[in-house]
Amino acid sequence: MDMIYWAILGLGVFIAVWFLIVVPSERRHHERKLEMLQRRIDKRQAQVDQNDSESSTDQNDELEKT
């Protein structure tokens, strides 16, 4: 019986360490990853918007010339 109590205690300590250390660090890792992806998406969207505005300006210039 004594061995079972030690196993339960060891498992409890393992789970406590997991939830106190590993889970928060994984959450921060995922938040950093999400932030990095959001910056990349914003940067790419800004480039697309810039290209669209340049092409629409070019089209407007061509229409004005005709």
Protein backbone atom coordinates (compact mmCIF):
# COMPACT_ATOMS: atom_id res chain seq x y z
CA MET A 1 0.00 0.00 0.00
CA ASP A 2 2.87 2.33 0.80
CA MET A 3 4.09 2.09 -2.82
CA ILE A 4 0.68 3.14 -4.16
CA TYR A 5 0.68 6.27 -2.00
CA TRP A 6 4.14 7.23 -3.27
CA ALA A 7 3.00 6.67 -6.85
CA ILE A 8 -0.09 8.83 -6.31
CA LEU A 9 2.02 11.53 -4.65
CA GLY A 10 4.55 11.41 -7.49
CA LEU A 11 1.81 11.66 -10.08
CA GLY A 12 0.25 14.59 -8.21
CA VAL A 13 3.61 16.40 -8.10
CA PHE A 14 4.14 15.74 -11.80
CA ILE A 15 0.70 17.12 -12.69
CA ALA A 16 1.20 20.16 -10.44
CA VAL A 17 4.56 20.96 -12.07
CA TRP A 18 3.02 20.46 -15.51
CA PHE A 19 0.20 22.92 -14.84
CA LEU A 20 2.39 25.46 -13.02
CA ILE A 21 5.35 25.53 -15.44
CA VAL A 22 4.72 23.80 -18.75
CA VAL A 23 1.19 25.01 -19.53
CA PRO A 24 1.95 28.75 -19.02
CA SER A 25 5.15 28.54 -21.07
CA GLU A 26 3.30 26.78 -23.91
CA ARG A 27 0.59 29.46 -23.78
CA ARG A 28 3.21 32.22 -24.06
CA HIS A 29 4.87 30.37 -26.93
CA HIS A 30 1.58 30.12 -28.82
CA GLU A 31 0.78 33.78 -28.13
CA ARG A 32 4.18 34.84 -29.53
CA LYS A 33 3.63 32.65 -32.57
CA LEU A 34 0.16 34.08 -33.13
CA GLU A 35 1.50 37.64 -32.77
CA MET A 36 4.23 36.93 -35.31
CA LEU A 37 1.70 35.50 -37.77
CA GLN A 38 -0.58 38.49 -37.23
CA ARG A 39 2.30 40.86 -38.05
CA ARG A 40 3.09 38.89 -41.20
CA ILE A 41 -0.55 38.97 -42.28
CA ASP A 42 -0.77 42.72 -41.64
CA LYS A 43 2.44 43.34 -43.56
CA ARG A 44 1.27 41.24 -46.51
CA GLN A 45 -2.15 42.92 -46.46
CA ALA A 46 -0.49 46.35 -46.50
CA GLN A 47 1.54 45.30 -49.54
CA VAL A 48 -1.57 44.02 -51.32
CA ASP A 49 -3.45 47.22 -50.49
CA GLN A 50 -0.56 49.32 -51.74
CA ASN A 51 -0.38 47.35 -54.99
CA ASP A 52 -4.14 47.65 -55.45
CA SER A 53 -4.08 51.40 -54.91
CA GLU A 54 -1.17 51.78 -57.35
CA SER A 55 -2.93 49.70 -60.01
CA SER A 56 -6.20 51.59 -59.55
CA THR A 57 -4.30 54.89 -59.85
CA ASP A 58 -2.66 53.64 -63.03
CA GLN A 59 -6.04 52.61 -64.42
CA ASN A 60 -7.53 56.00 -63.56
CA ASP A 61 -4.61 57.74 -65.30
CA GLU A 62 -5.14 55.63 -68.39
CA LEU A 63 -8.87 56.41 -68.42
CA GLU A 64 -8.17 60.13 -68.12
CA LYS A 65 -5.75 60.00 -71.07
CA THR A 66 -8.37 58.49 -73.38
